[in-house]
Amino acid sequence: MSYRDPHRHSPTIQLVRHGETEWSRAGRHTGLTDVPLTDEGRRVAASLKSRLAHLEPVLVLTSPLARAHETASLAGFPDATVDADLVEVDYGDAEGRRTREIREERPGWDVWRDGAPNGEPWERAGERADRVIARVEGAAGDVIVFAHGHILRVLAARWLEQPPAFGGRLALSTAAICDLGYERERRVVWLWNDTAHLTG
């Protein structure tokens, strides 16, 4: 359960990364390709249900891609609202490829520093994240967001008023839960990359 503090104010935002896919397990950059969950991905997505059961969100958002939408459904939120701004970052020429493969052509390449060749610039991903944040802050209560590793890291960076590429400092596992919110008026991270439900 999320940490609570007497100075904590609503709304709170639970970020949930989708469960495992074949590509995430293999370390392949998975952007707009609609790769489904593996059986293990479905199992751990279902384990999210008990972790999130105490929440009473006024809004549940999901990426339109199946791996996020199915995770939301298995976690107990089949009617989550699709938000196109939560789609994963477009990796362009890096789509489906591992970092080590790309570095054979571009030594030292780093997706967070260099971006993806012919892919979506981090600034544009940050603009999408800002729109999601505006929607979340307009909700009259707590929110859950189901999406993908990199766009959620960008969203957290923008929540903290950092540039989008700051998300590179925020590692995020599949099916992990994160908890954003406020301490008094300040945007903060209360919990990050929580996978305790995966070890039960």
N, C-alpha and C. Protein backbone atom coordinates (compact mmCIF):
# COMPACT_ATOMS: atom_id res chain seq x y z
N MET A 1 0.85 -1.19 0.00
CA MET A 1 0.00 0.00 0.00
C MET A 1 0.88 1.24 0.00
N SER A 2 0.40 2.31 -0.59
CA SER A 2 1.19 3.52 -0.73
C SER A 2 1.43 4.19 0.62
N TYR A 3 2.60 4.79 0.73
CA TYR A 3 2.98 5.51 1.94
C TYR A 3 2.08 6.74 2.11
N ARG A 4 1.69 6.99 3.35
CA ARG A 4 0.85 8.16 3.64
C ARG A 4 1.55 9.07 4.64
N ASP A 5 1.31 10.33 4.52
CA ASP A 5 1.97 11.33 5.34
C ASP A 5 0.95 12.40 5.68
N PRO A 6 0.98 12.96 6.88
CA PRO A 6 -0.02 13.97 7.24
C PRO A 6 0.02 15.21 6.37
N HIS A 7 1.13 15.46 5.69
CA HIS A 7 1.23 16.63 4.83
C HIS A 7 0.89 16.31 3.37
N ARG A 8 0.46 15.08 3.15
CA ARG A 8 0.14 14.65 1.79
C ARG A 8 -1.24 15.15 1.39
N HIS A 9 -1.33 15.67 0.17
CA HIS A 9 -2.59 16.20 -0.33
C HIS A 9 -3.00 15.45 -1.59
N SER A 10 -4.29 15.37 -1.83
CA SER A 10 -4.80 14.81 -3.08
C SER A 10 -4.72 15.88 -4.17
N PRO A 11 -4.78 15.48 -5.47
CA PRO A 11 -4.95 14.10 -5.91
C PRO A 11 -3.64 13.31 -5.88
N THR A 12 -3.77 12.00 -5.83
CA THR A 12 -2.63 11.13 -6.00
C THR A 12 -2.74 10.46 -7.36
N ILE A 13 -1.63 10.14 -7.94
CA ILE A 13 -1.59 9.53 -9.26
C ILE A 13 -0.78 8.24 -9.17
N GLN A 14 -1.43 7.12 -9.42
CA GLN A 14 -0.75 5.84 -9.49
C GLN A 14 -0.36 5.59 -10.94
N LEU A 15 0.93 5.42 -11.19
CA LEU A 15 1.41 5.04 -12.52
C LEU A 15 1.65 3.54 -12.51
N VAL A 16 1.15 2.84 -13.53
CA VAL A 16 1.33 1.39 -13.60
C VAL A 16 1.85 1.03 -14.98
N ARG A 17 3.03 0.43 -15.02
CA ARG A 17 3.55 -0.04 -16.30
C ARG A 17 2.91 -1.38 -16.63
N HIS A 18 2.68 -1.62 -17.92
CA HIS A 18 2.08 -2.87 -18.36
C HIS A 18 2.94 -4.07 -18.00
N GLY A 19 2.35 -5.25 -18.05
CA GLY A 19 3.07 -6.49 -17.78
C GLY A 19 4.05 -6.85 -18.89
N GLU A 20 4.73 -7.94 -18.68
CA GLU A 20 5.78 -8.39 -19.60
C GLU A 20 5.24 -8.74 -20.99
N THR A 21 6.03 -8.39 -22.00
CA THR A 21 5.80 -8.84 -23.37
C THR A 21 7.05 -9.59 -23.83
N GLU A 22 6.95 -10.26 -24.96
CA GLU A 22 8.14 -10.94 -25.50
C GLU A 22 9.25 -9.94 -25.76
N TRP A 23 8.90 -8.77 -26.25
CA TRP A 23 9.91 -7.77 -26.57
C TRP A 23 10.52 -7.15 -25.32
N SER A 24 9.71 -6.87 -24.31
CA SER A 24 10.28 -6.30 -23.09
C SER A 24 11.20 -7.32 -22.41
N ARG A 25 10.84 -8.58 -22.45
CA ARG A 25 11.68 -9.62 -21.86
C ARG A 25 13.02 -9.73 -22.59
N ALA A 26 12.98 -9.50 -23.90
CA ALA A 26 14.20 -9.60 -24.71
C ALA A 26 15.00 -8.30 -24.77
N GLY A 27 14.49 -7.23 -24.15
CA GLY A 27 15.20 -5.96 -24.16
C GLY A 27 15.09 -5.20 -25.46
N ARG A 28 14.03 -5.46 -26.23
CA ARG A 28 13.84 -4.76 -27.49
C ARG A 28 13.05 -3.47 -27.26
N HIS A 29 13.44 -2.42 -27.96
CA HIS A 29 12.69 -1.17 -27.88
C HIS A 29 11.29 -1.40 -28.46
N THR A 30 10.29 -1.17 -27.63
CA THR A 30 8.91 -1.46 -28.01
C THR A 30 8.10 -0.18 -27.92
N GLY A 31 7.89 0.45 -29.07
CA GLY A 31 7.14 1.69 -29.10
C GLY A 31 5.71 1.48 -29.55
N LEU A 32 5.46 1.73 -30.82
CA LEU A 32 4.09 1.68 -31.35
C LEU A 32 3.67 0.29 -31.81
N THR A 33 4.61 -0.66 -31.87
CA THR A 33 4.25 -2.03 -32.23
C THR A 33 3.36 -2.60 -31.13
N ASP A 34 2.22 -3.16 -31.52
CA ASP A 34 1.22 -3.59 -30.53
C ASP A 34 1.50 -5.03 -30.08
N VAL A 35 2.57 -5.20 -29.33
CA VAL A 35 2.99 -6.52 -28.86
C VAL A 35 2.11 -6.92 -27.67
N PRO A 36 1.55 -8.13 -27.68
CA PRO A 36 0.68 -8.56 -26.58
C PRO A 36 1.46 -8.97 -25.34
N LEU A 37 0.78 -9.08 -24.22
CA LEU A 37 1.37 -9.62 -23.00
C LEU A 37 1.69 -11.09 -23.17
N THR A 38 2.74 -11.54 -22.51
CA THR A 38 3.01 -12.96 -22.40
C THR A 38 2.08 -13.55 -21.34
N ASP A 39 2.07 -14.87 -21.22
CA ASP A 39 1.29 -15.50 -20.15
C ASP A 39 1.76 -15.01 -18.79
N GLU A 40 3.08 -14.87 -18.62
CA GLU A 40 3.61 -14.34 -17.37
C GLU A 40 3.19 -12.89 -17.18
N GLY A 41 3.16 -12.13 -18.27
CA GLY A 41 2.71 -10.76 -18.19
C GLY A 41 1.27 -10.65 -17.73
N ARG A 42 0.44 -11.57 -18.19
CA ARG A 42 -0.96 -11.58 -17.76
C ARG A 42 -1.09 -11.97 -16.29
N ARG A 43 -0.26 -12.93 -15.88
CA ARG A 43 -0.31 -13.37 -14.48
C ARG A 43 0.05 -12.23 -13.53
N VAL A 44 1.13 -11.53 -13.82
CA VAL A 44 1.53 -10.46 -12.92
C VAL A 44 0.59 -9.25 -13.03
N ALA A 45 0.02 -9.04 -14.20
CA ALA A 45 -0.97 -7.96 -14.33
C ALA A 45 -2.16 -8.24 -13.43
N ALA A 46 -2.58 -9.51 -13.36
CA ALA A 46 -3.69 -9.88 -12.48
C ALA A 46 -3.33 -9.67 -11.01
N SER A 47 -2.04 -9.81 -10.68
CA SER A 47 -1.62 -9.62 -9.29
C SER A 47 -1.73 -8.16 -8.86
N LEU A 48 -1.84 -7.26 -9.82
CA LEU A 48 -2.01 -5.84 -9.49
C LEU A 48 -3.38 -5.57 -8.86
N LYS A 49 -4.33 -6.45 -9.12
CA LYS A 49 -5.71 -6.21 -8.67
C LYS A 49 -5.78 -6.02 -7.17
N SER A 50 -5.14 -6.91 -6.43
CA SER A 50 -5.19 -6.80 -4.97
C SER A 50 -4.41 -5.58 -4.48
N ARG A 51 -3.34 -5.21 -5.18
CA ARG A 51 -2.54 -4.05 -4.79
C ARG A 51 -3.30 -2.74 -4.97
N LEU A 52 -4.18 -2.70 -5.96
CA LEU A 52 -4.89 -1.46 -6.28
C LEU A 52 -6.32 -1.43 -5.74
N ALA A 53 -6.74 -2.53 -5.08
CA ALA A 53 -8.14 -2.66 -4.68
C ALA A 53 -8.58 -1.60 -3.67
N HIS A 54 -7.65 -1.07 -2.88
CA HIS A 54 -8.01 -0.09 -1.86
C HIS A 54 -8.29 1.29 -2.45
N LEU A 55 -7.94 1.49 -3.71
CA LEU A 55 -8.10 2.80 -4.34
C LEU A 55 -9.52 3.00 -4.84
N GLU A 56 -9.96 4.23 -4.82
CA GLU A 56 -11.26 4.61 -5.37
C GLU A 56 -11.04 5.76 -6.35
N PRO A 57 -10.43 5.47 -7.49
CA PRO A 57 -10.07 6.54 -8.43
C PRO A 57 -11.30 7.16 -9.09
N VAL A 58 -11.22 8.45 -9.34
CA VAL A 58 -12.28 9.12 -10.09
C VAL A 58 -12.00 9.03 -11.58
N LEU A 59 -10.77 8.68 -11.94
CA LEU A 59 -10.39 8.59 -13.34
C LEU A 59 -9.32 7.52 -13.49
N VAL A 60 -9.50 6.63 -14.47
CA VAL A 60 -8.49 5.63 -14.81
C VAL A 60 -8.19 5.78 -16.29
N LEU A 61 -6.94 6.02 -16.62
CA LEU A 61 -6.52 6.25 -17.99
C LEU A 61 -5.63 5.11 -18.46
N THR A 62 -5.69 4.81 -19.76
CA THR A 62 -4.81 3.81 -20.32
C THR A 62 -4.34 4.22 -21.71
N SER A 63 -3.14 3.78 -22.04
CA SER A 63 -2.67 3.87 -23.42
C SER A 63 -3.60 3.06 -24.31
N PRO A 64 -3.72 3.42 -25.59
CA PRO A 64 -4.55 2.64 -26.51
C PRO A 64 -3.93 1.29 -26.89
N LEU A 65 -2.63 1.09 -26.62
CA LEU A 65 -1.99 -0.15 -27.02
C LEU A 65 -2.45 -1.31 -26.14
N ALA A 66 -2.58 -2.49 -26.74
CA ALA A 66 -3.22 -3.64 -26.08
C ALA A 66 -2.51 -4.04 -24.80
N ARG A 67 -1.18 -3.97 -24.76
CA ARG A 67 -0.47 -4.43 -23.58
C ARG A 67 -0.80 -3.61 -22.34
N ALA A 68 -1.06 -2.32 -22.53
CA ALA A 68 -1.45 -1.47 -21.41
C ALA A 68 -2.92 -1.65 -21.08
N HIS A 69 -3.76 -1.68 -22.12
CA HIS A 69 -5.20 -1.81 -21.89
C HIS A 69 -5.54 -3.13 -21.23
N GLU A 70 -4.86 -4.22 -21.66
CA GLU A 70 -5.12 -5.53 -21.06
C GLU A 70 -4.63 -5.55 -19.61
N THR A 71 -3.51 -4.90 -19.33
CA THR A 71 -3.04 -4.81 -17.95
C THR A 71 -4.07 -4.11 -17.08
N ALA A 72 -4.63 -3.02 -17.58
CA ALA A 72 -5.67 -2.31 -16.83
C ALA A 72 -6.86 -3.21 -16.55
N SER A 73 -7.28 -3.95 -17.56
CA SER A 73 -8.44 -4.84 -17.41
C SER A 73 -8.16 -5.93 -16.38
N LEU A 74 -7.00 -6.57 -16.48
CA LEU A 74 -6.65 -7.64 -15.55
C LEU A 74 -6.46 -7.11 -14.13
N ALA A 75 -6.09 -5.85 -14.02
CA ALA A 75 -5.91 -5.23 -12.70
C ALA A 75 -7.23 -4.77 -12.09
N GLY A 76 -8.33 -4.99 -12.82
CA GLY A 76 -9.65 -4.65 -12.27
C GLY A 76 -10.28 -3.40 -12.83
N PHE A 77 -9.72 -2.86 -13.93
CA PHE A 77 -10.25 -1.62 -14.50
C PHE A 77 -10.51 -1.79 -16.00
N PRO A 78 -11.47 -2.66 -16.35
CA PRO A 78 -11.74 -2.92 -17.78
C PRO A 78 -12.32 -1.73 -18.53
N ASP A 79 -12.86 -0.77 -17.80
CA ASP A 79 -13.48 0.40 -18.44
C ASP A 79 -12.57 1.62 -18.42
N ALA A 80 -11.27 1.40 -18.29
CA ALA A 80 -10.33 2.52 -18.29
C ALA A 80 -10.48 3.35 -19.56
N THR A 81 -10.35 4.65 -19.42
CA THR A 81 -10.49 5.58 -20.54
C THR A 81 -9.20 5.64 -21.35
N VAL A 82 -9.32 5.43 -22.64
CA VAL A 82 -8.15 5.48 -23.52
C VAL A 82 -7.72 6.92 -23.73
N ASP A 83 -6.44 7.16 -23.56
CA ASP A 83 -5.86 8.49 -23.79
C ASP A 83 -4.68 8.31 -24.75
N ALA A 84 -4.83 8.83 -25.96
CA ALA A 84 -3.80 8.65 -26.99
C ALA A 84 -2.47 9.25 -26.59
N ASP A 85 -2.47 10.22 -25.67
CA ASP A 85 -1.21 10.83 -25.23
C ASP A 85 -0.36 9.87 -24.40
N LEU A 86 -0.94 8.73 -23.99
CA LEU A 86 -0.20 7.76 -23.19
C LEU A 86 0.45 6.66 -24.02
N VAL A 87 0.33 6.74 -25.34
CA VAL A 87 0.99 5.75 -26.17
C VAL A 87 2.50 5.83 -25.94
N GLU A 88 3.19 4.70 -26.13
CA GLU A 88 4.62 4.70 -25.89
C GLU A 88 5.35 5.59 -26.89
N VAL A 89 6.56 5.96 -26.53
CA VAL A 89 7.41 6.77 -27.40
C VAL A 89 7.66 6.02 -28.71
N ASP A 90 7.63 6.75 -29.80
CA ASP A 90 7.93 6.19 -31.12
C ASP A 90 9.45 6.10 -31.27
N TYR A 91 9.96 4.86 -31.39
CA TYR A 91 11.40 4.67 -31.45
C TYR A 91 11.97 4.69 -32.86
N GLY A 92 11.14 4.95 -33.85
CA GLY A 92 11.65 5.10 -35.20
C GLY A 92 12.45 3.89 -35.64
N ASP A 93 13.68 4.13 -36.09
CA ASP A 93 14.54 3.06 -36.60
C ASP A 93 15.03 2.11 -35.50
N ALA A 94 14.84 2.49 -34.25
CA ALA A 94 15.25 1.62 -33.14
C ALA A 94 14.16 0.61 -32.76
N GLU A 95 12.99 0.74 -33.34
CA GLU A 95 11.87 -0.13 -32.98
C GLU A 95 12.23 -1.60 -33.17
N GLY A 96 11.98 -2.37 -32.12
CA GLY A 96 12.21 -3.81 -32.18
C GLY A 96 13.66 -4.22 -32.01
N ARG A 97 14.55 -3.26 -31.81
CA ARG A 97 15.98 -3.57 -31.73
C ARG A 97 16.51 -3.38 -30.31
N ARG A 98 17.58 -4.09 -29.99
CA ARG A 98 18.24 -3.97 -28.70
C ARG A 98 19.29 -2.87 -28.76
N THR A 99 19.57 -2.29 -27.61
CA THR A 99 20.58 -1.23 -27.55
C THR A 99 21.91 -1.71 -28.11
N ARG A 100 22.32 -2.92 -27.74
CA ARG A 100 23.63 -3.39 -28.19
C ARG A 100 23.70 -3.52 -29.71
N GLU A 101 22.59 -3.83 -30.35
CA GLU A 101 22.57 -3.92 -31.81
C GLU A 101 22.75 -2.54 -32.43
N ILE A 102 22.09 -1.56 -31.87
CA ILE A 102 22.18 -0.20 -32.40
C ILE A 102 23.59 0.36 -32.19
N ARG A 103 24.21 -0.01 -31.07
CA ARG A 103 25.55 0.49 -30.79
C ARG A 103 26.61 -0.09 -31.73
N GLU A 104 26.27 -1.17 -32.41
CA GLU A 104 27.20 -1.68 -33.43
C GLU A 104 27.31 -0.70 -34.60
N GLU A 105 26.24 0.07 -34.82
CA GLU A 105 26.21 1.07 -35.88
C GLU A 105 26.52 2.46 -35.35
N ARG A 106 26.12 2.71 -34.10
CA ARG A 106 26.29 4.02 -33.47
C ARG A 106 26.97 3.82 -32.12
N PRO A 107 28.28 3.69 -32.07
CA PRO A 107 28.98 3.43 -30.80
C PRO A 107 28.61 4.46 -29.73
N GLY A 108 28.31 3.94 -28.54
CA GLY A 108 27.99 4.82 -27.43
C GLY A 108 26.58 5.37 -27.43
N TRP A 109 25.76 4.93 -28.36
CA TRP A 109 24.39 5.47 -28.47
C TRP A 109 23.63 5.28 -27.18
N ASP A 110 22.88 6.30 -26.79
CA ASP A 110 22.02 6.26 -25.60
C ASP A 110 20.69 6.90 -25.96
N VAL A 111 19.62 6.13 -25.83
CA VAL A 111 18.32 6.63 -26.28
C VAL A 111 17.89 7.89 -25.54
N TRP A 112 18.23 7.99 -24.25
CA TRP A 112 17.81 9.17 -23.49
C TRP A 112 18.62 10.40 -23.84
N ARG A 113 19.87 10.21 -24.22
CA ARG A 113 20.72 11.35 -24.58
C ARG A 113 20.57 11.70 -26.06
N ASP A 114 20.56 10.68 -26.93
CA ASP A 114 20.64 10.89 -28.36
C ASP A 114 19.30 10.81 -29.08
N GLY A 115 18.30 10.26 -28.41
CA GLY A 115 17.02 10.04 -29.08
C GLY A 115 17.10 8.87 -30.04
N ALA A 116 15.96 8.47 -30.57
CA ALA A 116 15.90 7.36 -31.51
C ALA A 116 15.96 7.90 -32.94
N PRO A 117 16.80 7.31 -33.79
CA PRO A 117 16.87 7.77 -35.19
C PRO A 117 15.49 7.73 -35.86
N ASN A 118 15.05 8.85 -36.39
CA ASN A 118 13.74 8.97 -37.03
C ASN A 118 12.58 8.67 -36.09
N GLY A 119 12.84 8.82 -34.80
CA GLY A 119 11.80 8.59 -33.80
C GLY A 119 11.23 9.89 -33.25
N GLU A 120 10.45 9.76 -32.19
CA GLU A 120 9.81 10.90 -31.56
C GLU A 120 10.80 11.65 -30.67
N PRO A 121 10.96 12.94 -30.85
CA PRO A 121 11.85 13.71 -29.96
C PRO A 121 11.32 13.69 -28.52
N TRP A 122 12.22 13.71 -27.56
CA TRP A 122 11.80 13.71 -26.16
C TRP A 122 10.95 14.92 -25.83
N GLU A 123 11.21 16.04 -26.49
CA GLU A 123 10.40 17.24 -26.22
C GLU A 123 8.94 17.00 -26.57
N ARG A 124 8.70 16.28 -27.66
CA ARG A 124 7.32 16.00 -28.05
C ARG A 124 6.66 15.03 -27.08
N ALA A 125 7.41 14.03 -26.63
CA ALA A 125 6.87 13.12 -25.61
C ALA A 125 6.55 13.90 -24.33
N GLY A 126 7.39 14.87 -24.01
CA GLY A 126 7.14 15.71 -22.85
C GLY A 126 5.87 16.53 -22.99
N GLU A 127 5.58 16.99 -24.18
CA GLU A 127 4.35 17.74 -24.41
C GLU A 127 3.13 16.85 -24.19
N ARG A 128 3.23 15.60 -24.63
CA ARG A 128 2.12 14.66 -24.39
C ARG A 128 1.94 14.42 -22.89
N ALA A 129 3.06 14.24 -22.20
CA ALA A 129 2.99 14.02 -20.76
C ALA A 129 2.37 15.22 -20.05
N ASP A 130 2.71 16.41 -20.50
CA ASP A 130 2.13 17.62 -19.90
C ASP A 130 0.62 17.65 -20.06
N ARG A 131 0.13 17.18 -21.20
CA ARG A 131 -1.33 17.15 -21.40
C ARG A 131 -1.98 16.14 -20.46
N VAL A 132 -1.33 15.01 -20.26
CA VAL A 132 -1.87 14.03 -19.31
C VAL A 132 -1.89 14.61 -17.90
N ILE A 133 -0.82 15.29 -17.52
CA ILE A 133 -0.77 15.90 -16.19
C ILE A 133 -1.88 16.92 -16.01
N ALA A 134 -2.13 17.72 -17.04
CA ALA A 134 -3.22 18.70 -16.95
C ALA A 134 -4.56 18.00 -16.76
N ARG A 135 -4.74 16.88 -17.44
CA ARG A 135 -5.99 16.12 -17.29
C ARG A 135 -6.11 15.54 -15.89
N VAL A 136 -5.01 15.02 -15.38
CA VAL A 136 -4.98 14.44 -14.04
C VAL A 136 -5.28 15.52 -12.99
N GLU A 137 -4.66 16.67 -13.13
CA GLU A 137 -4.86 17.72 -12.14
C GLU A 137 -6.27 18.29 -12.21
N GLY A 138 -6.94 18.11 -13.35
CA GLY A 138 -8.32 18.57 -13.47
C GLY A 138 -9.33 17.60 -12.89
N ALA A 139 -8.89 16.41 -12.53
CA ALA A 139 -9.78 15.42 -11.94
C ALA A 139 -10.04 15.75 -10.47
N ALA A 140 -11.23 15.44 -10.02
CA ALA A 140 -11.61 15.77 -8.65
C ALA A 140 -11.33 14.59 -7.72
N GLY A 141 -10.10 14.07 -7.76
CA GLY A 141 -9.76 12.94 -6.91
C GLY A 141 -8.58 12.18 -7.46
N ASP A 142 -8.41 10.96 -6.98
CA ASP A 142 -7.26 10.16 -7.34
C ASP A 142 -7.40 9.54 -8.72
N VAL A 143 -6.23 9.27 -9.35
CA VAL A 143 -6.17 8.81 -10.73
C VAL A 143 -5.21 7.64 -10.83
N ILE A 144 -5.52 6.68 -11.71
CA ILE A 144 -4.59 5.61 -12.05
C ILE A 144 -4.30 5.70 -13.54
N VAL A 145 -3.03 5.54 -13.90
CA VAL A 145 -2.59 5.64 -15.29
C VAL A 145 -1.85 4.35 -15.66
N PHE A 146 -2.35 3.65 -16.68
CA PHE A 146 -1.70 2.44 -17.20
C PHE A 146 -1.02 2.78 -18.52
N ALA A 147 0.28 2.57 -18.58
CA ALA A 147 0.97 2.91 -19.83
C ALA A 147 2.29 2.14 -19.91
N HIS A 148 3.31 2.79 -20.45
CA HIS A 148 4.54 2.13 -20.88
C HIS A 148 5.77 2.70 -20.17
N GLY A 149 6.87 1.95 -20.26
CA GLY A 149 8.07 2.29 -19.52
C GLY A 149 8.60 3.69 -19.75
N HIS A 150 8.77 4.07 -21.01
CA HIS A 150 9.42 5.36 -21.26
C HIS A 150 8.46 6.54 -21.14
N ILE A 151 7.23 6.42 -21.61
CA ILE A 151 6.33 7.56 -21.48
C ILE A 151 5.98 7.82 -20.02
N LEU A 152 5.92 6.76 -19.20
CA LEU A 152 5.66 6.98 -17.78
C LEU A 152 6.86 7.63 -17.10
N ARG A 153 8.05 7.29 -17.54
CA ARG A 153 9.24 7.93 -16.98
C ARG A 153 9.29 9.41 -17.38
N VAL A 154 8.88 9.71 -18.59
CA VAL A 154 8.79 11.10 -19.03
C VAL A 154 7.73 11.83 -18.22
N LEU A 155 6.59 11.17 -18.01
CA LEU A 155 5.51 11.79 -17.25
C LEU A 155 5.98 12.13 -15.83
N ALA A 156 6.71 11.21 -15.21
CA ALA A 156 7.22 11.48 -13.86
C ALA A 156 8.22 12.63 -13.87
N ALA A 157 9.07 12.68 -14.89
CA ALA A 157 10.02 13.78 -15.00
C ALA A 157 9.29 15.12 -15.10
N ARG A 158 8.27 15.17 -15.92
CA ARG A 158 7.52 16.41 -16.08
C ARG A 158 6.72 16.74 -14.81
N TRP A 159 6.24 15.70 -14.11
CA TRP A 159 5.56 15.94 -12.83
C TRP A 159 6.49 16.67 -11.86
N LEU A 160 7.76 16.30 -11.92
CA LEU A 160 8.77 16.92 -11.06
C LEU A 160 9.35 18.20 -11.67
N GLU A 161 8.75 18.65 -12.78
CA GLU A 161 9.16 19.87 -13.46
C GLU A 161 10.59 19.79 -13.95
N GLN A 162 10.97 18.60 -14.41
CA GLN A 162 12.27 18.34 -15.00
C GLN A 162 12.12 18.13 -16.50
N PRO A 163 13.19 18.26 -17.27
CA PRO A 163 13.09 17.99 -18.71
C PRO A 163 12.76 16.52 -18.96
N PRO A 164 12.14 16.21 -20.10
CA PRO A 164 11.71 14.84 -20.36
C PRO A 164 12.82 13.81 -20.22
N ALA A 165 14.03 14.14 -20.66
CA ALA A 165 15.13 13.17 -20.62
C ALA A 165 15.57 12.83 -19.21
N PHE A 166 15.10 13.57 -18.21
CA PHE A 166 15.36 13.20 -16.82
C PHE A 166 14.78 11.83 -16.51
N GLY A 167 13.78 11.42 -17.29
CA GLY A 167 13.20 10.10 -17.12
C GLY A 167 14.20 8.98 -17.24
N GLY A 168 15.31 9.24 -17.91
CA GLY A 168 16.37 8.25 -18.01
C GLY A 168 16.96 7.87 -16.67
N ARG A 169 16.75 8.69 -15.65
CA ARG A 169 17.25 8.41 -14.30
C ARG A 169 16.24 7.63 -13.46
N LEU A 170 15.08 7.31 -14.04
CA LEU A 170 14.00 6.69 -13.29
C LEU A 170 13.69 5.31 -13.86
N ALA A 171 14.47 4.32 -13.47
CA ALA A 171 14.27 2.96 -13.98
C ALA A 171 12.88 2.46 -13.59
N LEU A 172 12.25 1.70 -14.51
CA LEU A 172 10.88 1.27 -14.28
C LEU A 172 10.68 -0.14 -14.84
N SER A 173 10.33 -1.06 -13.96
CA SER A 173 10.14 -2.46 -14.34
C SER A 173 8.73 -2.70 -14.87
N THR A 174 8.56 -3.80 -15.60
CA THR A 174 7.21 -4.16 -16.04
C THR A 174 6.34 -4.45 -14.83
N ALA A 175 5.08 -4.06 -14.93
CA ALA A 175 4.05 -4.26 -13.89
C ALA A 175 4.37 -3.55 -12.59
N ALA A 176 5.28 -2.59 -12.62
CA ALA A 176 5.61 -1.83 -11.41
C ALA A 176 4.57 -0.74 -11.17
N ILE A 177 4.44 -0.36 -9.90
CA ILE A 177 3.54 0.70 -9.47
C ILE A 177 4.36 1.88 -8.95
N CYS A 178 3.94 3.07 -9.32
CA CYS A 178 4.56 4.30 -8.81
C CYS A 178 3.46 5.20 -8.27
N ASP A 179 3.82 6.04 -7.34
CA ASP A 179 2.85 6.88 -6.65
C ASP A 179 3.34 8.32 -6.65
N LEU A 180 2.67 9.15 -7.41
CA LEU A 180 2.98 10.58 -7.46
C LEU A 180 1.91 11.35 -6.70
N GLY A 181 2.28 12.51 -6.23
CA GLY A 181 1.29 13.32 -5.53
C GLY A 181 1.88 14.63 -5.08
N TYR A 182 1.38 15.09 -3.94
CA TYR A 182 1.80 16.38 -3.40
C TYR A 182 2.21 16.23 -1.94
N GLU A 183 3.24 16.96 -1.56
CA GLU A 183 3.53 17.22 -0.16
C GLU A 183 3.28 18.71 0.02
N ARG A 184 2.23 19.01 0.75
CA ARG A 184 1.70 20.37 0.77
C ARG A 184 1.43 20.77 -0.69
N GLU A 185 2.03 21.83 -1.20
CA GLU A 185 1.74 22.25 -2.58
C GLU A 185 2.76 21.74 -3.57
N ARG A 186 3.77 21.05 -3.11
CA ARG A 186 4.88 20.64 -3.97
C ARG A 186 4.62 19.27 -4.59
N ARG A 187 4.81 19.16 -5.90
CA ARG A 187 4.72 17.86 -6.57
C ARG A 187 5.89 16.99 -6.14
N VAL A 188 5.58 15.76 -5.76
CA VAL A 188 6.62 14.84 -5.29
C VAL A 188 6.35 13.43 -5.80
N VAL A 189 7.37 12.58 -5.64
CA VAL A 189 7.23 11.14 -5.84
C VAL A 189 7.17 10.49 -4.46
N TRP A 190 6.08 9.79 -4.18
CA TRP A 190 5.94 9.11 -2.90
C TRP A 190 6.47 7.67 -2.96
N LEU A 191 6.39 7.06 -4.12
CA LEU A 191 6.80 5.67 -4.27
C LEU A 191 7.21 5.46 -5.72
N TRP A 192 8.29 4.70 -5.94
CA TRP A 192 8.73 4.50 -7.32
C TRP A 192 9.15 3.04 -7.54
N ASN A 193 8.73 2.50 -8.68
CA ASN A 193 9.14 1.17 -9.16
C ASN A 193 8.88 0.09 -8.11
N ASP A 194 7.69 0.12 -7.52
CA ASP A 194 7.31 -0.86 -6.51
C ASP A 194 6.86 -2.16 -7.20
N THR A 195 7.56 -3.25 -6.91
CA THR A 195 7.22 -4.56 -7.50
C THR A 195 6.97 -5.59 -6.40
N ALA A 196 6.61 -5.15 -5.19
CA ALA A 196 6.41 -6.08 -4.08
C ALA A 196 5.35 -7.14 -4.39
N HIS A 197 4.36 -6.78 -5.19
CA HIS A 197 3.29 -7.73 -5.52
C HIS A 197 3.77 -8.86 -6.43
N LEU A 198 4.94 -8.71 -7.04
CA LEU A 198 5.45 -9.73 -7.97
C LEU A 198 6.17 -10.85 -7.25
N THR A 199 6.44 -10.68 -5.97
CA THR A 199 7.19 -11.69 -5.23
C THR A 199 6.30 -12.53 -4.33
N GLY A 200 5.00 -12.26 -4.38
CA GLY A 200 4.08 -12.99 -3.50
C GLY A 200 3.77 -14.38 -4.01
